Amino acid sequence: MIIPVEQLQQETLLAIIDEFILREGTDYGLQEYSHQQKVLQIQAQLKSGRLVIVFSEAYETVNIMLAEQFQQQSASNPS
């Protein structure tokens, strides 16, 4: 289930983004970015719809993923 970014309080949104950034294995390519730059990049991608915040009812977890990836998973796993 996609959680609309607009419905989240700013503090909650930042906590989700922080957890995503700090998760081991998150790769931003060859260029190094500060934590604040990463937050701003993710916020922009969430606002543009490229990324979505997803709640998994089965695992009771929240994740940030590419909207395209979520759509593909949803199509291959219809409820």
PDB file of N, CA and C in Angstrom:
ATOM      1  N   MET A   1       0.840  -1.156   0.000  1.00  0.00           N
ATOM      2  CA  MET A   1       0.000   0.000   0.000  1.00  0.00           C
ATOM      3  C   MET A   1       0.901   1.240   0.000  1.00  0.00           C
ATOM      4  N   ILE A   2       0.633   2.172  -0.905  1.00  0.00           N
ATOM      5  CA  ILE A   2       1.385   3.418  -0.970  1.00  0.00           C
ATOM      6  C   ILE A   2       0.839   4.390   0.070  1.00  0.00           C
ATOM      7  N   ILE A   3       1.755   5.010   0.803  1.00  0.00           N
ATOM      8  CA  ILE A   3       1.382   6.035   1.774  1.00  0.00           C
ATOM      9  C   ILE A   3       1.608   7.388   1.101  1.00  0.00           C
ATOM     10  N   PRO A   4       0.554   8.176   0.922  1.00  0.00           N
ATOM     11  CA  PRO A   4       0.735   9.500   0.305  1.00  0.00           C
ATOM     12  C   PRO A   4       1.633  10.383   1.179  1.00  0.00           C
ATOM     13  N   VAL A   5       2.669  10.926   0.582  1.00  0.00           N
ATOM     14  CA  VAL A   5       3.639  11.751   1.298  1.00  0.00           C
ATOM     15  C   VAL A   5       2.947  12.941   1.964  1.00  0.00           C
ATOM     16  N   GLU A   6       1.951  13.498   1.301  1.00  0.00           N
ATOM     17  CA  GLU A   6       1.257  14.680   1.812  1.00  0.00           C
ATOM     18  C   GLU A   6       0.532  14.403   3.122  1.00  0.00           C
ATOM     19  N   GLN A   7       0.232  13.133   3.402  1.00  0.00           N
ATOM     20  CA  GLN A   7      -0.512  12.788   4.608  1.00  0.00           C
ATOM     21  C   GLN A   7       0.399  12.548   5.817  1.00  0.00           C
ATOM     22  N   LEU A   8       1.708  12.572   5.595  1.00  0.00           N
ATOM     23  CA  LEU A   8       2.644  12.344   6.689  1.00  0.00           C
ATOM     24  C   LEU A   8       3.073  13.669   7.314  1.00  0.00           C
ATOM     25  N   GLN A   9       3.238  13.651   8.619  1.00  0.00           N
ATOM     26  CA  GLN A   9       3.811  14.812   9.290  1.00  0.00           C
ATOM     27  C   GLN A   9       5.278  14.902   8.879  1.00  0.00           C
ATOM     28  N   GLN A  10       5.820  16.115   8.819  1.00  0.00           N
ATOM     29  CA  GLN A  10       7.191  16.328   8.380  1.00  0.00           C
ATOM     30  C   GLN A  10       8.178  15.505   9.208  1.00  0.00           C
ATOM     31  N   GLU A  11       7.972  15.439  10.506  1.00  0.00           N
ATOM     32  CA  GLU A  11       8.866  14.683  11.389  1.00  0.00           C
ATOM     33  C   GLU A  11       8.868  13.191  11.036  1.00  0.00           C
ATOM     34  N   THR A  12       7.703  12.650  10.744  1.00  0.00           N
ATOM     35  CA  THR A  12       7.584  11.244  10.367  1.00  0.00           C
ATOM     36  C   THR A  12       8.248  10.993   9.020  1.00  0.00           C
ATOM     37  N   LEU A  13       8.008  11.876   8.074  1.00  0.00           N
ATOM     38  CA  LEU A  13       8.613  11.750   6.750  1.00  0.00           C
ATOM     39  C   LEU A  13      10.137  11.759   6.854  1.00  0.00           C
ATOM     40  N   LEU A  14      10.682  12.683   7.625  1.00  0.00           N
ATOM     41  CA  LEU A  14      12.134  12.762   7.777  1.00  0.00           C
ATOM     42  C   LEU A  14      12.697  11.520   8.463  1.00  0.00           C
ATOM     43  N   ALA A  15      11.962  10.956   9.409  1.00  0.00           N
ATOM     44  CA  ALA A  15      12.414   9.728  10.075  1.00  0.00           C
ATOM     45  C   ALA A  15      12.469   8.568   9.088  1.00  0.00           C
ATOM     46  N   ILE A  16      11.472   8.467   8.218  1.00  0.00           N
ATOM     47  CA  ILE A  16      11.445   7.408   7.198  1.00  0.00           C
ATOM     48  C   ILE A  16      12.607   7.594   6.225  1.00  0.00           C
ATOM     49  N   ILE A  17      12.830   8.828   5.793  1.00  0.00           N
ATOM     50  CA  ILE A  17      13.933   9.112   4.871  1.00  0.00           C
ATOM     51  C   ILE A  17      15.274   8.817   5.535  1.00  0.00           C
ATOM     52  N   ASP A  18      15.450   9.247   6.785  1.00  0.00           N
ATOM     53  CA  ASP A  18      16.696   8.986   7.513  1.00  0.00           C
ATOM     54  C   ASP A  18      16.975   7.493   7.609  1.00  0.00           C
ATOM     55  N   GLU A  19      15.968   6.726   7.950  1.00  0.00           N
ATOM     56  CA  GLU A  19      16.142   5.276   8.075  1.00  0.00           C
ATOM     57  C   GLU A  19      16.548   4.684   6.736  1.00  0.00           C
ATOM     58  N   PHE A  20      15.948   5.154   5.669  1.00  0.00           N
ATOM     59  CA  PHE A  20      16.267   4.674   4.330  1.00  0.00           C
ATOM     60  C   PHE A  20      17.721   5.005   3.978  1.00  0.00           C
ATOM     61  N   ILE A  21      18.146   6.229   4.256  1.00  0.00           N
ATOM     62  CA  ILE A  21      19.509   6.656   3.945  1.00  0.00           C
ATOM     63  C   ILE A  21      20.536   5.860   4.743  1.00  0.00           C
ATOM     64  N   LEU A  22      20.245   5.651   6.010  1.00  0.00           N
ATOM     65  CA  LEU A  22      21.210   5.006   6.893  1.00  0.00           C
ATOM     66  C   LEU A  22      21.245   3.483   6.752  1.00  0.00           C
ATOM     67  N   ARG A  23      20.263   2.948   6.033  1.00  0.00           N
ATOM     68  CA  ARG A  23      20.214   1.502   5.839  1.00  0.00           C
ATOM     69  C   ARG A  23      21.478   1.033   5.140  1.00  0.00           C
ATOM     70  N   GLU A  24      22.067   0.028   5.659  1.00  0.00           N
ATOM     71  CA  GLU A  24      23.306  -0.499   5.077  1.00  0.00           C
ATOM     72  C   GLU A  24      23.060  -0.951   3.647  1.00  0.00           C
ATOM     73  N   GLY A  25      23.977  -0.599   2.767  1.00  0.00           N
ATOM     74  CA  GLY A  25      23.874  -1.036   1.380  1.00  0.00           C
ATOM     75  C   GLY A  25      23.250  -0.011   0.453  1.00  0.00           C
ATOM     76  N   THR A  26      22.743   1.111   0.997  1.00  0.00           N
ATOM     77  CA  THR A  26      22.192   2.147   0.137  1.00  0.00           C
ATOM     78  C   THR A  26      23.344   2.796  -0.623  1.00  0.00           C
ATOM     79  N   ASP A  27      23.269   2.781  -1.953  1.00  0.00           N
ATOM     80  CA  ASP A  27      24.372   3.242  -2.790  1.00  0.00           C
ATOM     81  C   ASP A  27      23.944   4.460  -3.592  1.00  0.00           C
ATOM     82  N   TYR A  28      24.761   5.488  -3.576  1.00  0.00           N
ATOM     83  CA  TYR A  28      24.466   6.702  -4.318  1.00  0.00           C
ATOM     84  C   TYR A  28      25.428   6.913  -5.476  1.00  0.00           C
ATOM     85  N   GLY A  29      26.149   5.874  -5.867  1.00  0.00           N
ATOM     86  CA  GLY A  29      27.023   5.977  -7.025  1.00  0.00           C
ATOM     87  C   GLY A  29      28.409   6.459  -6.667  1.00  0.00           C
ATOM     88  N   LEU A  30      29.095   6.999  -7.656  1.00  0.00           N
ATOM     89  CA  LEU A  30      30.488   7.398  -7.501  1.00  0.00           C
ATOM     90  C   LEU A  30      30.667   8.679  -6.706  1.00  0.00           C
ATOM     91  N   GLN A  31      29.689   9.568  -6.765  1.00  0.00           N
ATOM     92  CA  GLN A  31      29.819  10.858  -6.089  1.00  0.00           C
ATOM     93  C   GLN A  31      29.320  10.759  -4.647  1.00  0.00           C
ATOM     94  N   GLU A  32      30.065  11.378  -3.737  1.00  0.00           N
ATOM     95  CA  GLU A  32      29.659  11.427  -2.340  1.00  0.00           C
ATOM     96  C   GLU A  32      28.693  12.586  -2.118  1.00  0.00           C
ATOM     97  N   TYR A  33      27.661  12.355  -1.316  1.00  0.00           N
ATOM     98  CA  TYR A  33      26.704  13.392  -0.968  1.00  0.00           C
ATOM     99  C   TYR A  33      26.594  13.472   0.543  1.00  0.00           C
ATOM    100  N   SER A  34      26.349  14.674   1.060  1.00  0.00           N
ATOM    101  CA  SER A  34      26.118  14.828   2.494  1.00  0.00           C
ATOM    102  C   SER A  34      24.752  14.234   2.830  1.00  0.00           C
ATOM    103  N   HIS A  35      24.549  14.010   4.109  1.00  0.00           N
ATOM    104  CA  HIS A  35      23.256  13.470   4.550  1.00  0.00           C
ATOM    105  C   HIS A  35      22.128  14.410   4.117  1.00  0.00           C
ATOM    106  N   GLN A  36      22.327  15.708   4.304  1.00  0.00           N
ATOM    107  CA  GLN A  36      21.289  16.683   3.942  1.00  0.00           C
ATOM    108  C   GLN A  36      21.010  16.661   2.438  1.00  0.00           C
ATOM    109  N   GLN A  37      22.048  16.518   1.619  1.00  0.00           N
ATOM    110  CA  GLN A  37      21.838  16.438   0.169  1.00  0.00           C
ATOM    111  C   GLN A  37      21.020  15.194  -0.182  1.00  0.00           C
ATOM    112  N   LYS A  38      21.291  14.086   0.478  1.00  0.00           N
ATOM    113  CA  LYS A  38      20.536  12.855   0.230  1.00  0.00           C
ATOM    114  C   LYS A  38      19.073  13.038   0.613  1.00  0.00           C
ATOM    115  N   VAL A  39      18.833  13.682   1.766  1.00  0.00           N
ATOM    116  CA  VAL A  39      17.453  13.941   2.201  1.00  0.00           C
ATOM    117  C   VAL A  39      16.725  14.768   1.158  1.00  0.00           C
ATOM    118  N   LEU A  40      17.367  15.834   0.682  1.00  0.00           N
ATOM    119  CA  LEU A  40      16.738  16.697  -0.314  1.00  0.00           C
ATOM    120  C   LEU A  40      16.468  15.964  -1.624  1.00  0.00           C
ATOM    121  N   GLN A  41      17.404  15.116  -2.044  1.00  0.00           N
ATOM    122  CA  GLN A  41      17.204  14.335  -3.270  1.00  0.00           C
ATOM    123  C   GLN A  41      16.007  13.396  -3.135  1.00  0.00           C
ATOM    124  N   ILE A  42      15.918  12.725  -2.008  1.00  0.00           N
ATOM    125  CA  ILE A  42      14.814  11.781  -1.801  1.00  0.00           C
ATOM    126  C   ILE A  42      13.491  12.528  -1.705  1.00  0.00           C
ATOM    127  N   GLN A  43      13.465  13.651  -0.990  1.00  0.00           N
ATOM    128  CA  GLN A  43      12.242  14.443  -0.907  1.00  0.00           C
ATOM    129  C   GLN A  43      11.780  14.876  -2.297  1.00  0.00           C
ATOM    130  N   ALA A  44      12.704  15.321  -3.132  1.00  0.00           N
ATOM    131  CA  ALA A  44      12.351  15.749  -4.493  1.00  0.00           C
ATOM    132  C   ALA A  44      11.794  14.590  -5.309  1.00  0.00           C
ATOM    133  N   GLN A  45      12.392  13.419  -5.160  1.00  0.00           N
ATOM    134  CA  GLN A  45      11.926  12.256  -5.918  1.00  0.00           C
ATOM    135  C   GLN A  45      10.575  11.762  -5.401  1.00  0.00           C
ATOM    136  N   LEU A  46      10.325  11.905  -4.119  1.00  0.00           N
ATOM    137  CA  LEU A  46       9.003  11.561  -3.572  1.00  0.00           C
ATOM    138  C   LEU A  46       7.959  12.540  -4.094  1.00  0.00           C
ATOM    139  N   LYS A  47       8.299  13.808  -4.107  1.00  0.00           N
ATOM    140  CA  LYS A  47       7.374  14.834  -4.578  1.00  0.00           C
ATOM    141  C   LYS A  47       7.052  14.652  -6.063  1.00  0.00           C
ATOM    142  N   SER A  48       8.060  14.262  -6.847  1.00  0.00           N
ATOM    143  CA  SER A  48       7.853  14.082  -8.289  1.00  0.00           C
ATOM    144  C   SER A  48       7.118  12.782  -8.620  1.00  0.00           C
ATOM    145  N   GLY A  49       7.049  11.863  -7.654  1.00  0.00           N
ATOM    146  CA  GLY A  49       6.381  10.588  -7.902  1.00  0.00           C
ATOM    147  C   GLY A  49       7.317   9.491  -8.377  1.00  0.00           C
ATOM    148  N   ARG A  50       8.596   9.803  -8.524  1.00  0.00           N
ATOM    149  CA  ARG A  50       9.566   8.777  -8.949  1.00  0.00           C
ATOM    150  C   ARG A  50       9.742   7.727  -7.852  1.00  0.00           C
ATOM    151  N   LEU A  51       9.725   8.182  -6.595  1.00  0.00           N
ATOM    152  CA  LEU A  51       9.791   7.282  -5.447  1.00  0.00           C
ATOM    153  C   LEU A  51       8.459   7.314  -4.721  1.00  0.00           C
ATOM    154  N   VAL A  52       8.138   6.209  -4.049  1.00  0.00           N
ATOM    155  CA  VAL A  52       6.932   6.140  -3.228  1.00  0.00           C
ATOM    156  C   VAL A  52       7.283   5.535  -1.878  1.00  0.00           C
ATOM    157  N   ILE A  53       6.486   5.880  -0.878  1.00  0.00           N
ATOM    158  CA  ILE A  53       6.614   5.263   0.437  1.00  0.00           C
ATOM    159  C   ILE A  53       5.568   4.156   0.495  1.00  0.00           C
ATOM    160  N   VAL A  54       6.032   2.962   0.840  1.00  0.00           N
ATOM    161  CA  VAL A  54       5.172   1.783   0.799  1.00  0.00           C
ATOM    162  C   VAL A  54       5.101   1.137   2.178  1.00  0.00           C
ATOM    163  N   PHE A  55       3.887   0.805   2.597  1.00  0.00           N
ATOM    164  CA  PHE A  55       3.675   0.054   3.833  1.00  0.00           C
ATOM    165  C   PHE A  55       3.331  -1.374   3.466  1.00  0.00           C
ATOM    166  N   SER A  56       4.067  -2.323   4.039  1.00  0.00           N
ATOM    167  CA  SER A  56       3.778  -3.741   3.825  1.00  0.00           C
ATOM    168  C   SER A  56       2.926  -4.242   4.992  1.00  0.00           C
ATOM    169  N   GLU A  57       1.699  -4.574   4.690  1.00  0.00           N
ATOM    170  CA  GLU A  57       0.808  -5.092   5.727  1.00  0.00           C
ATOM    171  C   GLU A  57       1.290  -6.447   6.228  1.00  0.00           C
ATOM    172  N   ALA A  58       1.850  -7.247   5.347  1.00  0.00           N
ATOM    173  CA  ALA A  58       2.318  -8.583   5.718  1.00  0.00           C
ATOM    174  C   ALA A  58       3.472  -8.520   6.715  1.00  0.00           C
ATOM    175  N   TYR A  59       4.386  -7.585   6.502  1.00  0.00           N
ATOM    176  CA  TYR A  59       5.573  -7.484   7.358  1.00  0.00           C
ATOM    177  C   TYR A  59       5.513  -6.316   8.332  1.00  0.00           C
ATOM    178  N   GLU A  60       4.482  -5.475   8.199  1.00  0.00           N
ATOM    179  CA  GLU A  60       4.317  -4.284   9.026  1.00  0.00           C
ATOM    180  C   GLU A  60       5.575  -3.419   8.992  1.00  0.00           C
ATOM    181  N   THR A  61       6.061  -3.149   7.766  1.00  0.00           N
ATOM    182  CA  THR A  61       7.249  -2.328   7.560  1.00  0.00           C
ATOM    183  C   THR A  61       6.940  -1.207   6.573  1.00  0.00           C
ATOM    184  N   VAL A  62       7.765  -0.178   6.639  1.00  0.00           N
ATOM    185  CA  VAL A  62       7.664   0.945   5.715  1.00  0.00           C
ATOM    186  C   VAL A  62       8.959   0.992   4.923  1.00  0.00           C
ATOM    187  N   ASN A  63       8.845   1.242   3.623  1.00  0.00           N
ATOM    188  CA  ASN A  63      10.018   1.302   2.762  1.00  0.00           C
ATOM    189  C   ASN A  63       9.821   2.396   1.717  1.00  0.00           C
ATOM    190  N   ILE A  64      10.921   2.866   1.167  1.00  0.00           N
ATOM    191  CA  ILE A  64      10.894   3.786   0.036  1.00  0.00           C
ATOM    192  C   ILE A  64      11.394   3.008  -1.169  1.00  0.00           C
ATOM    193  N   MET A  65      10.649   3.084  -2.253  1.00  0.00           N
ATOM    194  CA  MET A  65      11.060   2.354  -3.452  1.00  0.00           C
ATOM    195  C   MET A  65      10.657   3.120  -4.701  1.00  0.00           C
ATOM    196  N   LEU A  66      11.267   2.723  -5.807  1.00  0.00           N
ATOM    197  CA  LEU A  66      10.895   3.314  -7.089  1.00  0.00           C
ATOM    198  C   LEU A  66       9.429   3.015  -7.380  1.00  0.00           C
ATOM    199  N   ALA A  67       8.699   4.006  -7.840  1.00  0.00           N
ATOM    200  CA  ALA A  67       7.286   3.818  -8.163  1.00  0.00           C
ATOM    201  C   ALA A  67       7.126   2.720  -9.211  1.00  0.00           C
ATOM    202  N   GLU A  68       8.030   2.713 -10.181  1.00  0.00           N
ATOM    203  CA  GLU A  68       7.994   1.703 -11.244  1.00  0.00           C
ATOM    204  C   GLU A  68       8.170   0.297 -10.666  1.00  0.00           C
ATOM    205  N   GLN A  69       9.084   0.154  -9.730  1.00  0.00           N
ATOM    206  CA  GLN A  69       9.316  -1.143  -9.088  1.00  0.00           C
ATOM    207  C   GLN A  69       8.076  -1.586  -8.311  1.00  0.00           C
ATOM    208  N   PHE A  70       7.449  -0.664  -7.602  1.00  0.00           N
ATOM    209  CA  PHE A  70       6.234  -0.994  -6.855  1.00  0.00           C
ATOM    210  C   PHE A  70       5.127  -1.453  -7.801  1.00  0.00           C
ATOM    211  N   GLN A  71       4.970  -0.753  -8.919  1.00  0.00           N
ATOM    212  CA  GLN A  71       3.946  -1.124  -9.890  1.00  0.00           C
ATOM    213  C   GLN A  71       4.195  -2.512 -10.464  1.00  0.00           C
ATOM    214  N   GLN A  72       5.459  -2.823 -10.751  1.00  0.00           N
ATOM    215  CA  GLN A  72       5.801  -4.152 -11.270  1.00  0.00           C
ATOM    216  C   GLN A  72       5.498  -5.240 -10.243  1.00  0.00           C
ATOM    217  N   GLN A  73       5.840  -4.992  -8.990  1.00  0.00           N
ATOM    218  CA  GLN A  73       5.573  -5.973  -7.940  1.00  0.00           C
ATOM    219  C   GLN A  73       4.084  -6.153  -7.742  1.00  0.00           C
ATOM    220  N   SER A  74       3.343  -5.065  -7.797  1.00  0.00           N
ATOM    221  CA  SER A  74       1.889  -5.127  -7.623  1.00  0.00           C
ATOM    222  C   SER A  74       1.242  -5.902  -8.763  1.00  0.00           C
ATOM    223  N   ALA A  75       1.748  -5.720  -9.965  1.00  0.00           N
ATOM    224  CA  ALA A  75       1.200  -6.422 -11.136  1.00  0.00           C
ATOM    225  C   ALA A  75       1.491  -7.916 -11.071  1.00  0.00           C
ATOM    226  N   SER A  76       2.658  -8.271 -10.526  1.00  0.00           N
ATOM    227  CA  SER A  76       3.024  -9.685 -10.477  1.00  0.00           C
ATOM    228  C   SER A  76       2.465 -10.387  -9.241  1.00  0.00           C
ATOM    229  N   ASN A  77       1.977  -9.620  -8.256  1.00  0.00           N
ATOM    230  CA  ASN A  77       1.400 -10.193  -7.036  1.00  0.00           C
ATOM    231  C   ASN A  77       0.030  -9.599  -6.765  1.00  0.00           C
ATOM    232  N   PRO A  78      -0.947  -9.820  -7.633  1.00  0.00           N
ATOM    233  CA  PRO A  78      -2.279  -9.231  -7.386  1.00  0.00           C
ATOM    234  C   PRO A  78      -2.911  -9.827  -6.131  1.00  0.00           C
ATOM    235  N   SER A  79      -3.628  -9.000  -5.400  1.00  0.00           N
ATOM    236  CA  SER A  79      -4.270  -9.452  -4.145  1.00  0.00           C
ATOM    237  C   SER A  79      -5.495 -10.275  -4.407  1.00  0.00           C
TER     238      SER A  79
END
